[in-house]
Every structure is written in C-alpha cells, then in structure tokens.
Amino acid sequence: MKAKIRSFIFLTVPSLIISLIILELVFRFVIPASQIPYNCFYSETLMLKKCSDQVSGMATFGKFAQQRGKWRINNDGWNSPVDYQKTKSGKERIAVIGDSYVEALHVDMDKSYPSLLRENVGHEYEVFSFGVAAIPLSQYLHMSRYVVKNYDPDTIIFNVVHNDFHDSLV
C-alpha cells in the first residue's frame, strides 16, 4: 500500500504540475485568451460605453486566436488611440457613429477605419469614433444626440452595414 501511495505522490502529482505549467504557457503565449472590454451603462448620460476601469488589452478571434486586435479605452469610454477633448481646438470635427465596424475590437485600434480617416485627413480635422457592437439603428440616433451635446461635431458619419437592419428589426 505504501508503494502505491509513494508512486502516486512521486509520479502523478509532478506529472499534473508539469502538465498544468505547459498548458499555462501555451494559453498565455501561443493561444492567448481574449480580453474584450465590458460594456457599462452610464445612467447620467444614458449611454452604453466601455467600462472605465479597463484601459487596454487584446481581443482574439477565430480558431487558435489567429485574428488579434489591440484595443485601448480612452478617457470617455470609447475604443480609440486618442483621448477626446470636449472643448474645440479650432479644427473641424468629424464624428463616426456605428456598431462593431466602428468599435473595431477585431483589429488594432490604429487600423480601424476612423483611425485611418484621422490619419488621412491629417491635422486639418479631429476625428472621433463612437461605436458599440450589436446596437440597433435606434441607438445610433441616441448616440448622435450624445455626440452633438458633448462634442459639437461639424460632420457626423453614420456607418450603416447590412446586418444593422436585421438587428434593428429583431
């Protein structure tokens, strides 16, 4: 009986520990877990935005996490590489409103189309993006009221894609 206990302790326990260490290394470095920021409802603005306690991370998608996107939540709760200032700087402002295409967690934050627009228009415009995945078209209107009240944009772009109609009807 003592031999069975000794073999269990010296063979099974170290094998389990080594297996757990190997699995930890695989899932930490080879196939990282997705770190998608949580949505929070802010009652003072009646807006669904990203929670302010999460600052940055990496979202992974697909089998073996082959698609990865780095995200950063700015000072107002949106996925953007820049912080938003409510006071105008003298430049014209463009606000982009939409769902997951604008939120862009599936690509690096500087590769989203509002970030590429910001890069292409240079220093002539300020480009802000306001996106929450899976929102219906009615929320675009609510979000635009929030954007106009808080950021006073000169131009608003509504990003409408095929799945927005299905989400709105359902």
N, C-alpha and C. Protein backbone atom coordinates (compact mmCIF):
# COMPACT_ATOMS: atom_id res chain seq x y z
N MET A 1 0.82 -1.19 0.00
CA MET A 1 0.00 0.00 0.00
C MET A 1 0.86 1.25 0.00
N LYS A 2 1.97 1.22 0.78
CA LYS A 2 2.85 2.37 0.83
C LYS A 2 3.51 2.61 -0.53
N ALA A 3 3.78 1.56 -1.26
CA ALA A 3 4.38 1.70 -2.59
C ALA A 3 3.43 2.39 -3.55
N LYS A 4 2.15 2.09 -3.47
CA LYS A 4 1.16 2.74 -4.33
C LYS A 4 1.04 4.22 -3.99
N ILE A 5 1.03 4.56 -2.72
CA ILE A 5 0.94 5.97 -2.32
C ILE A 5 2.20 6.71 -2.75
N ARG A 6 3.35 6.08 -2.56
CA ARG A 6 4.63 6.70 -2.95
C ARG A 6 4.68 6.91 -4.47
N SER A 7 4.24 5.93 -5.25
CA SER A 7 4.25 6.09 -6.70
C SER A 7 3.24 7.16 -7.13
N PHE A 8 2.12 7.24 -6.44
CA PHE A 8 1.15 8.29 -6.75
C PHE A 8 1.76 9.66 -6.49
N ILE A 9 2.38 9.83 -5.37
CA ILE A 9 2.95 11.12 -5.00
C ILE A 9 4.11 11.49 -5.93
N PHE A 10 4.99 10.58 -6.21
CA PHE A 10 6.19 10.90 -6.99
C PHE A 10 5.99 10.82 -8.50
N LEU A 11 4.90 10.26 -8.96
CA LEU A 11 4.67 10.15 -10.40
C LEU A 11 3.47 10.99 -10.85
N THR A 12 2.36 10.84 -10.22
CA THR A 12 1.14 11.51 -10.65
C THR A 12 1.15 13.00 -10.34
N VAL A 13 1.51 13.38 -9.14
CA VAL A 13 1.48 14.79 -8.74
C VAL A 13 2.46 15.61 -9.60
N PRO A 14 3.73 15.21 -9.78
CA PRO A 14 4.62 16.00 -10.65
C PRO A 14 4.13 16.04 -12.11
N SER A 15 3.55 14.93 -12.58
CA SER A 15 3.03 14.93 -13.95
C SER A 15 1.90 15.95 -14.10
N LEU A 16 1.02 16.04 -13.13
CA LEU A 16 -0.06 17.03 -13.16
C LEU A 16 0.49 18.45 -13.11
N ILE A 17 1.45 18.69 -12.27
CA ILE A 17 2.04 20.03 -12.15
C ILE A 17 2.73 20.43 -13.46
N ILE A 18 3.50 19.55 -14.04
CA ILE A 18 4.18 19.84 -15.31
C ILE A 18 3.16 20.05 -16.42
N SER A 19 2.12 19.25 -16.46
CA SER A 19 1.07 19.43 -17.48
C SER A 19 0.39 20.79 -17.33
N LEU A 20 0.09 21.19 -16.11
CA LEU A 20 -0.54 22.49 -15.89
C LEU A 20 0.38 23.65 -16.28
N ILE A 21 1.67 23.51 -16.01
CA ILE A 21 2.62 24.56 -16.40
C ILE A 21 2.70 24.67 -17.92
N ILE A 22 2.75 23.54 -18.60
CA ILE A 22 2.80 23.55 -20.07
C ILE A 22 1.53 24.17 -20.64
N LEU A 23 0.37 23.79 -20.11
CA LEU A 23 -0.89 24.37 -20.59
C LEU A 23 -0.94 25.88 -20.34
N GLU A 24 -0.47 26.30 -19.19
CA GLU A 24 -0.43 27.74 -18.89
C GLU A 24 0.44 28.49 -19.90
N LEU A 25 1.59 27.95 -20.23
CA LEU A 25 2.47 28.60 -21.21
C LEU A 25 1.83 28.63 -22.60
N VAL A 26 1.18 27.55 -22.98
CA VAL A 26 0.53 27.51 -24.30
C VAL A 26 -0.57 28.56 -24.37
N PHE A 27 -1.43 28.62 -23.35
CA PHE A 27 -2.57 29.54 -23.40
C PHE A 27 -2.19 30.97 -23.06
N ARG A 28 -1.02 31.19 -22.53
CA ARG A 28 -0.59 32.56 -22.27
C ARG A 28 0.14 33.16 -23.47
N PHE A 29 0.96 32.36 -24.16
CA PHE A 29 1.80 32.91 -25.22
C PHE A 29 1.43 32.44 -26.64
N VAL A 30 0.99 31.20 -26.81
CA VAL A 30 0.69 30.68 -28.13
C VAL A 30 -0.75 30.98 -28.54
N ILE A 31 -1.70 30.68 -27.69
CA ILE A 31 -3.11 30.93 -27.95
C ILE A 31 -3.66 31.78 -26.78
N PRO A 32 -3.43 33.09 -26.82
CA PRO A 32 -3.86 33.92 -25.68
C PRO A 32 -5.38 34.03 -25.60
N ALA A 33 -5.88 34.15 -24.40
CA ALA A 33 -7.31 34.33 -24.19
C ALA A 33 -7.71 35.74 -24.59
N SER A 34 -8.92 35.86 -25.06
CA SER A 34 -9.43 37.16 -25.47
C SER A 34 -9.75 38.02 -24.24
N GLN A 35 -9.38 39.29 -24.33
CA GLN A 35 -9.66 40.25 -23.26
C GLN A 35 -10.56 41.34 -23.82
N ILE A 36 -11.81 41.04 -23.99
CA ILE A 36 -12.74 42.02 -24.55
C ILE A 36 -13.25 42.91 -23.42
N PRO A 37 -13.21 44.23 -23.62
CA PRO A 37 -13.69 45.12 -22.56
C PRO A 37 -15.19 45.00 -22.36
N TYR A 38 -15.63 45.19 -21.16
CA TYR A 38 -17.04 45.08 -20.83
C TYR A 38 -17.78 46.37 -21.15
N ASN A 39 -19.04 46.24 -21.53
CA ASN A 39 -19.90 47.40 -21.70
C ASN A 39 -20.51 47.76 -20.35
N CYS A 40 -20.61 49.04 -20.09
CA CYS A 40 -21.27 49.54 -18.88
C CYS A 40 -22.33 50.54 -19.29
N PHE A 41 -23.42 50.57 -18.56
CA PHE A 41 -24.46 51.55 -18.81
C PHE A 41 -24.24 52.71 -17.85
N TYR A 42 -24.07 53.90 -18.39
CA TYR A 42 -23.85 55.09 -17.59
C TYR A 42 -25.17 55.84 -17.48
N SER A 43 -25.75 55.85 -16.28
CA SER A 43 -27.08 56.40 -16.09
C SER A 43 -27.13 57.92 -16.27
N GLU A 44 -26.02 58.62 -16.00
CA GLU A 44 -26.04 60.08 -16.15
C GLU A 44 -26.15 60.51 -17.61
N THR A 45 -25.63 59.70 -18.53
CA THR A 45 -25.72 60.02 -19.96
C THR A 45 -26.66 59.07 -20.71
N LEU A 46 -27.15 58.04 -20.02
CA LEU A 46 -27.98 57.01 -20.63
C LEU A 46 -27.28 56.36 -21.83
N MET A 47 -25.98 56.16 -21.70
CA MET A 47 -25.17 55.62 -22.78
C MET A 47 -24.55 54.29 -22.38
N LEU A 48 -24.44 53.42 -23.37
CA LEU A 48 -23.72 52.16 -23.22
C LEU A 48 -22.34 52.38 -23.80
N LYS A 49 -21.32 52.37 -22.93
CA LYS A 49 -19.94 52.57 -23.35
C LYS A 49 -19.07 51.53 -22.65
N LYS A 50 -17.80 51.55 -22.94
CA LYS A 50 -16.89 50.62 -22.29
C LYS A 50 -16.63 51.09 -20.86
N CYS A 51 -16.43 50.14 -19.97
CA CYS A 51 -16.20 50.45 -18.56
C CYS A 51 -14.87 51.17 -18.40
N SER A 52 -14.85 52.13 -17.53
CA SER A 52 -13.67 52.98 -17.38
C SER A 52 -12.52 52.30 -16.64
N ASP A 53 -12.79 51.18 -15.98
CA ASP A 53 -11.71 50.52 -15.23
C ASP A 53 -10.82 49.65 -16.12
N GLN A 54 -11.22 49.39 -17.34
CA GLN A 54 -10.40 48.62 -18.28
C GLN A 54 -9.73 49.61 -19.24
N VAL A 55 -8.41 49.56 -19.32
CA VAL A 55 -7.69 50.55 -20.11
C VAL A 55 -7.24 50.00 -21.46
N SER A 56 -6.64 48.82 -21.48
CA SER A 56 -6.15 48.27 -22.74
C SER A 56 -6.09 46.76 -22.66
N GLY A 57 -5.98 46.13 -23.82
CA GLY A 57 -5.90 44.69 -23.87
C GLY A 57 -5.87 44.20 -25.30
N MET A 58 -6.05 42.89 -25.47
CA MET A 58 -6.05 42.29 -26.79
C MET A 58 -7.25 41.36 -26.93
N ALA A 59 -8.03 41.59 -27.96
CA ALA A 59 -9.15 40.71 -28.28
C ALA A 59 -8.68 39.71 -29.32
N THR A 60 -9.03 38.45 -29.13
CA THR A 60 -8.64 37.42 -30.08
C THR A 60 -9.90 36.77 -30.64
N PHE A 61 -9.84 36.41 -31.91
CA PHE A 61 -10.98 35.81 -32.59
C PHE A 61 -10.48 34.67 -33.48
N GLY A 62 -11.35 33.74 -33.75
CA GLY A 62 -11.03 32.65 -34.67
C GLY A 62 -10.38 31.47 -33.99
N LYS A 63 -10.25 30.42 -34.77
CA LYS A 63 -9.63 29.20 -34.27
C LYS A 63 -8.16 29.47 -33.97
N PHE A 64 -7.72 29.09 -32.81
CA PHE A 64 -6.35 29.29 -32.35
C PHE A 64 -5.97 30.77 -32.28
N ALA A 65 -6.95 31.64 -32.15
CA ALA A 65 -6.75 33.08 -31.95
C ALA A 65 -5.87 33.71 -33.02
N GLN A 66 -6.12 33.33 -34.30
CA GLN A 66 -5.27 33.85 -35.36
C GLN A 66 -5.54 35.31 -35.67
N GLN A 67 -6.72 35.83 -35.34
CA GLN A 67 -7.00 37.25 -35.55
C GLN A 67 -6.96 37.94 -34.20
N ARG A 68 -6.10 38.95 -34.10
CA ARG A 68 -5.91 39.64 -32.83
C ARG A 68 -6.01 41.14 -33.03
N GLY A 69 -6.58 41.80 -32.08
CA GLY A 69 -6.71 43.25 -32.16
C GLY A 69 -6.42 43.88 -30.81
N LYS A 70 -5.51 44.84 -30.81
CA LYS A 70 -5.19 45.57 -29.58
C LYS A 70 -6.18 46.72 -29.44
N TRP A 71 -6.72 46.89 -28.26
CA TRP A 71 -7.67 47.96 -28.01
C TRP A 71 -7.21 48.81 -26.84
N ARG A 72 -7.72 50.04 -26.83
CA ARG A 72 -7.43 50.99 -25.75
C ARG A 72 -8.70 51.82 -25.52
N ILE A 73 -9.17 51.83 -24.31
CA ILE A 73 -10.34 52.61 -23.97
C ILE A 73 -9.88 54.00 -23.52
N ASN A 74 -10.39 55.03 -24.22
CA ASN A 74 -9.92 56.39 -23.94
C ASN A 74 -10.64 57.00 -22.74
N ASN A 75 -10.43 58.29 -22.53
CA ASN A 75 -10.95 58.98 -21.36
C ASN A 75 -12.48 59.06 -21.31
N ASP A 76 -13.17 58.83 -22.44
CA ASP A 76 -14.62 58.91 -22.44
C ASP A 76 -15.29 57.55 -22.64
N GLY A 77 -14.52 56.47 -22.63
CA GLY A 77 -15.10 55.12 -22.71
C GLY A 77 -15.25 54.55 -24.10
N TRP A 78 -14.46 55.02 -25.08
CA TRP A 78 -14.54 54.53 -26.45
C TRP A 78 -13.21 53.94 -26.85
N ASN A 79 -13.23 52.96 -27.76
CA ASN A 79 -12.01 52.34 -28.26
C ASN A 79 -11.35 53.30 -29.25
N SER A 80 -10.27 53.94 -28.82
CA SER A 80 -9.60 54.92 -29.67
C SER A 80 -8.17 55.12 -29.18
N PRO A 81 -7.24 55.36 -30.11
CA PRO A 81 -5.87 55.62 -29.69
C PRO A 81 -5.67 57.03 -29.12
N VAL A 82 -6.67 57.90 -29.26
CA VAL A 82 -6.55 59.27 -28.75
C VAL A 82 -7.64 59.53 -27.70
N ASP A 83 -7.34 60.41 -26.77
CA ASP A 83 -8.33 60.87 -25.81
C ASP A 83 -9.15 61.98 -26.45
N TYR A 84 -10.41 62.08 -26.06
CA TYR A 84 -11.31 63.07 -26.63
C TYR A 84 -11.40 64.30 -25.72
N GLN A 85 -11.23 65.47 -26.33
CA GLN A 85 -11.39 66.73 -25.61
C GLN A 85 -12.75 67.32 -25.98
N LYS A 86 -13.51 67.73 -24.99
CA LYS A 86 -14.85 68.26 -25.27
C LYS A 86 -14.79 69.68 -25.82
N THR A 87 -13.77 70.44 -25.47
CA THR A 87 -13.65 71.80 -26.00
C THR A 87 -12.99 71.74 -27.36
N LYS A 88 -13.49 72.55 -28.28
CA LYS A 88 -12.97 72.54 -29.64
C LYS A 88 -11.59 73.20 -29.69
N SER A 89 -10.76 72.67 -30.56
CA SER A 89 -9.40 73.18 -30.71
C SER A 89 -9.27 74.11 -31.91
N GLY A 90 -10.36 74.45 -32.55
CA GLY A 90 -10.32 75.29 -33.74
C GLY A 90 -10.37 74.48 -35.02
N LYS A 91 -10.15 73.19 -34.93
CA LYS A 91 -10.24 72.31 -36.10
C LYS A 91 -11.68 71.84 -36.27
N GLU A 92 -12.04 71.51 -37.49
CA GLU A 92 -13.36 70.92 -37.71
C GLU A 92 -13.36 69.50 -37.16
N ARG A 93 -14.53 69.10 -36.65
CA ARG A 93 -14.66 67.78 -36.04
C ARG A 93 -15.53 66.87 -36.88
N ILE A 94 -15.08 65.61 -36.97
CA ILE A 94 -15.84 64.56 -37.64
C ILE A 94 -16.12 63.49 -36.60
N ALA A 95 -17.38 63.12 -36.44
CA ALA A 95 -17.77 62.05 -35.53
C ALA A 95 -18.27 60.87 -36.35
N VAL A 96 -17.73 59.69 -36.08
CA VAL A 96 -18.14 58.47 -36.77
C VAL A 96 -18.93 57.63 -35.77
N ILE A 97 -20.17 57.31 -36.11
CA ILE A 97 -21.06 56.56 -35.22
C ILE A 97 -21.43 55.24 -35.87
N GLY A 98 -21.36 54.15 -35.09
CA GLY A 98 -21.70 52.86 -35.66
C GLY A 98 -21.64 51.74 -34.64
N ASP A 99 -21.60 50.52 -35.17
CA ASP A 99 -21.57 49.35 -34.30
C ASP A 99 -20.17 48.75 -34.27
N SER A 100 -20.04 47.46 -34.43
CA SER A 100 -18.74 46.80 -34.29
C SER A 100 -17.73 47.23 -35.34
N TYR A 101 -18.19 47.71 -36.50
CA TYR A 101 -17.25 48.19 -37.51
C TYR A 101 -16.53 49.44 -37.03
N VAL A 102 -17.20 50.25 -36.24
CA VAL A 102 -16.61 51.47 -35.70
C VAL A 102 -15.90 51.16 -34.39
N GLU A 103 -16.49 50.31 -33.57
CA GLU A 103 -15.87 49.92 -32.31
C GLU A 103 -14.52 49.25 -32.58
N ALA A 104 -14.48 48.38 -33.57
CA ALA A 104 -13.26 47.79 -34.12
C ALA A 104 -12.37 47.09 -33.09
N LEU A 105 -12.94 46.19 -32.32
CA LEU A 105 -12.13 45.39 -31.41
C LEU A 105 -11.40 44.27 -32.13
N HIS A 106 -11.83 43.92 -33.34
CA HIS A 106 -11.25 42.80 -34.08
C HIS A 106 -9.97 43.17 -34.83
N VAL A 107 -9.60 44.45 -34.84
CA VAL A 107 -8.34 44.91 -35.43
C VAL A 107 -7.64 45.82 -34.43
N ASP A 108 -6.38 46.09 -34.66
CA ASP A 108 -5.68 47.04 -33.80
C ASP A 108 -6.37 48.38 -33.87
N MET A 109 -6.39 49.11 -32.75
CA MET A 109 -7.17 50.35 -32.68
C MET A 109 -6.71 51.38 -33.70
N ASP A 110 -5.44 51.36 -34.10
CA ASP A 110 -4.96 52.33 -35.09
C ASP A 110 -5.21 51.86 -36.53
N LYS A 111 -5.82 50.67 -36.69
CA LYS A 111 -6.16 50.16 -38.01
C LYS A 111 -7.67 50.24 -38.30
N SER A 112 -8.44 50.74 -37.36
CA SER A 112 -9.88 50.90 -37.60
C SER A 112 -10.09 52.00 -38.63
N TYR A 113 -11.25 51.99 -39.27
CA TYR A 113 -11.43 52.97 -40.34
C TYR A 113 -11.54 54.41 -39.81
N PRO A 114 -12.08 54.67 -38.59
CA PRO A 114 -11.99 56.05 -38.10
C PRO A 114 -10.54 56.49 -37.83
N SER A 115 -9.70 55.56 -37.38
CA SER A 115 -8.29 55.91 -37.17
C SER A 115 -7.58 56.15 -38.50
N LEU A 116 -7.91 55.35 -39.51
CA LEU A 116 -7.32 55.58 -40.84
C LEU A 116 -7.81 56.90 -41.43
N LEU A 117 -9.08 57.24 -41.18
CA LEU A 117 -9.60 58.53 -41.61
C LEU A 117 -8.86 59.66 -40.90
N ARG A 118 -8.63 59.53 -39.59
CA ARG A 118 -7.88 60.52 -38.82
C ARG A 118 -6.49 60.70 -39.41
N GLU A 119 -5.87 59.61 -39.78
CA GLU A 119 -4.53 59.65 -40.35
C GLU A 119 -4.53 60.33 -41.72
N ASN A 120 -5.56 60.05 -42.55
CA ASN A 120 -5.61 60.60 -43.91
C ASN A 120 -5.96 62.08 -43.96
N VAL A 121 -6.78 62.56 -43.04
CA VAL A 121 -7.14 63.97 -43.07
C VAL A 121 -6.10 64.84 -42.37
N GLY A 122 -5.14 64.20 -41.74
CA GLY A 122 -4.03 64.92 -41.13
C GLY A 122 -4.45 65.80 -39.97
N HIS A 123 -3.85 66.97 -39.91
CA HIS A 123 -4.08 67.87 -38.79
C HIS A 123 -5.19 68.87 -39.07
N GLU A 124 -5.91 68.70 -40.17
CA GLU A 124 -6.97 69.63 -40.51
C GLU A 124 -8.26 69.34 -39.75
N TYR A 125 -8.48 68.09 -39.34
CA TYR A 125 -9.72 67.69 -38.69
C TYR A 125 -9.41 66.88 -37.44
N GLU A 126 -10.35 66.88 -36.52
CA GLU A 126 -10.34 65.94 -35.40
C GLU A 126 -11.37 64.88 -35.73
N VAL A 127 -10.99 63.61 -35.61
CA VAL A 127 -11.90 62.50 -35.91
C VAL A 127 -12.13 61.70 -34.64
N PHE A 128 -13.39 61.60 -34.24
CA PHE A 128 -13.78 60.84 -33.07
C PHE A 128 -14.65 59.67 -33.52
N SER A 129 -14.49 58.52 -32.87
CA SER A 129 -15.32 57.36 -33.22
C SER A 129 -16.13 56.94 -32.00
N PHE A 130 -17.40 56.61 -32.25
CA PHE A 130 -18.32 56.19 -31.21
C PHE A 130 -19.01 54.92 -31.69
N GLY A 131 -18.56 53.78 -31.18
CA GLY A 131 -19.12 52.52 -31.65
C GLY A 131 -19.33 51.53 -30.52
N VAL A 132 -20.45 50.82 -30.58
CA VAL A 132 -20.76 49.74 -29.65
C VAL A 132 -21.28 48.59 -30.48
N ALA A 133 -20.71 47.42 -30.31
CA ALA A 133 -21.10 46.26 -31.10
C ALA A 133 -22.55 45.88 -30.85
N ALA A 134 -23.22 45.47 -31.93
CA ALA A 134 -24.57 44.89 -31.91
C ALA A 134 -25.66 45.85 -31.45
N ILE A 135 -25.47 47.15 -31.65
CA ILE A 135 -26.55 48.07 -31.30
C ILE A 135 -27.48 48.25 -32.50
N PRO A 136 -28.76 48.48 -32.26
CA PRO A 136 -29.69 48.70 -33.37
C PRO A 136 -29.59 50.14 -33.88
N LEU A 137 -30.22 50.41 -35.00
CA LEU A 137 -30.18 51.74 -35.60
C LEU A 137 -30.77 52.81 -34.69
N SER A 138 -31.72 52.46 -33.85
CA SER A 138 -32.31 53.43 -32.94
C SER A 138 -31.26 53.98 -31.96
N GLN A 139 -30.28 53.17 -31.62
CA GLN A 139 -29.23 53.63 -30.73
C GLN A 139 -28.27 54.59 -31.43
N TYR A 140 -28.18 54.50 -32.76
CA TYR A 140 -27.37 55.46 -33.50
C TYR A 140 -27.90 56.87 -33.27
N LEU A 141 -29.22 57.00 -33.30
CA LEU A 141 -29.85 58.31 -33.07
C LEU A 141 -29.56 58.80 -31.66
N HIS A 142 -29.73 57.93 -30.69
CA HIS A 142 -29.45 58.30 -29.30
C HIS A 142 -27.98 58.69 -29.13
N MET A 143 -27.09 57.92 -29.74
CA MET A 143 -25.67 58.20 -29.65
C MET A 143 -25.33 59.54 -30.32
N SER A 144 -26.01 59.84 -31.44
CA SER A 144 -25.74 61.10 -32.13
C SER A 144 -26.16 62.29 -31.27
N ARG A 145 -27.23 62.17 -30.51
CA ARG A 145 -27.62 63.24 -29.59
C ARG A 145 -26.56 63.46 -28.53
N TYR A 146 -26.02 62.38 -28.01
CA TYR A 146 -24.93 62.48 -27.03
C TYR A 146 -23.71 63.15 -27.64
N VAL A 147 -23.35 62.75 -28.85
CA VAL A 147 -22.17 63.29 -29.53
C VAL A 147 -22.35 64.78 -29.80
N VAL A 148 -23.50 65.18 -30.30
CA VAL A 148 -23.75 66.60 -30.59
C VAL A 148 -23.70 67.42 -29.31
N LYS A 149 -24.30 66.92 -28.25
CA LYS A 149 -24.33 67.65 -26.99
C LYS A 149 -22.94 67.81 -26.38
N ASN A 150 -22.12 66.75 -26.44
CA ASN A 150 -20.84 66.76 -25.74
C ASN A 150 -19.64 67.16 -26.60
N TYR A 151 -19.71 66.97 -27.91
CA TYR A 151 -18.53 67.21 -28.75
C TYR A 151 -18.76 68.20 -29.88
N ASP A 152 -20.00 68.57 -30.16
CA ASP A 152 -20.34 69.55 -31.18
C ASP A 152 -19.59 69.32 -32.50
N PRO A 153 -19.80 68.16 -33.14
CA PRO A 153 -19.08 67.89 -34.39
C PRO A 153 -19.63 68.70 -35.56
N ASP A 154 -18.77 68.97 -36.53
CA ASP A 154 -19.19 69.65 -37.75
C ASP A 154 -19.80 68.66 -38.74
N THR A 155 -19.34 67.42 -38.71
CA THR A 155 -19.82 66.37 -39.61
C THR A 155 -20.04 65.10 -38.80
N ILE A 156 -21.15 64.42 -39.07
CA ILE A 156 -21.41 63.13 -38.44
C ILE A 156 -21.54 62.09 -39.55
N ILE A 157 -20.79 61.01 -39.41
CA ILE A 157 -20.85 59.89 -40.35
C ILE A 157 -21.50 58.72 -39.63
N PHE A 158 -22.60 58.23 -40.17
CA PHE A 158 -23.26 57.03 -39.64
C PHE A 158 -22.81 55.85 -40.47
N ASN A 159 -22.16 54.91 -39.85
CA ASN A 159 -21.70 53.71 -40.54
C ASN A 159 -22.81 52.66 -40.47
N VAL A 160 -23.52 52.47 -41.59
CA VAL A 160 -24.63 51.52 -41.66
C VAL A 160 -24.21 50.38 -42.59
N VAL A 161 -24.29 49.16 -42.09
CA VAL A 161 -23.95 47.98 -42.89
C VAL A 161 -25.15 47.03 -42.91
N HIS A 162 -25.04 45.99 -43.69
CA HIS A 162 -26.17 45.08 -43.93
C HIS A 162 -26.77 44.49 -42.68
N ASN A 163 -25.99 44.13 -41.69
CA ASN A 163 -26.54 43.47 -40.52
C ASN A 163 -27.26 44.44 -39.58
N ASP A 164 -27.11 45.73 -39.77
CA ASP A 164 -27.79 46.69 -38.90
C ASP A 164 -29.30 46.61 -39.07
N PHE A 165 -29.77 46.35 -40.26
CA PHE A 165 -31.20 46.27 -40.49
C PHE A 165 -31.80 45.04 -39.82
N HIS A 166 -31.10 43.94 -39.90
CA HIS A 166 -31.57 42.70 -39.26
C HIS A 166 -31.61 42.89 -37.74
N ASP A 167 -30.56 43.47 -37.16
CA ASP A 167 -30.53 43.70 -35.71
C ASP A 167 -31.64 44.64 -35.28
N SER A 168 -31.96 45.63 -36.10
CA SER A 168 -32.99 46.60 -35.75
C SER A 168 -34.39 46.01 -35.84
N LEU A 169 -34.61 45.13 -36.81
CA LEU A 169 -35.93 44.52 -36.96
C LEU A 169 -36.21 43.47 -35.89
N VAL A 170 -35.16 42.79 -35.47
CA VAL A 170 -35.33 41.74 -34.46
C VAL A 170 -35.50 42.37 -33.11
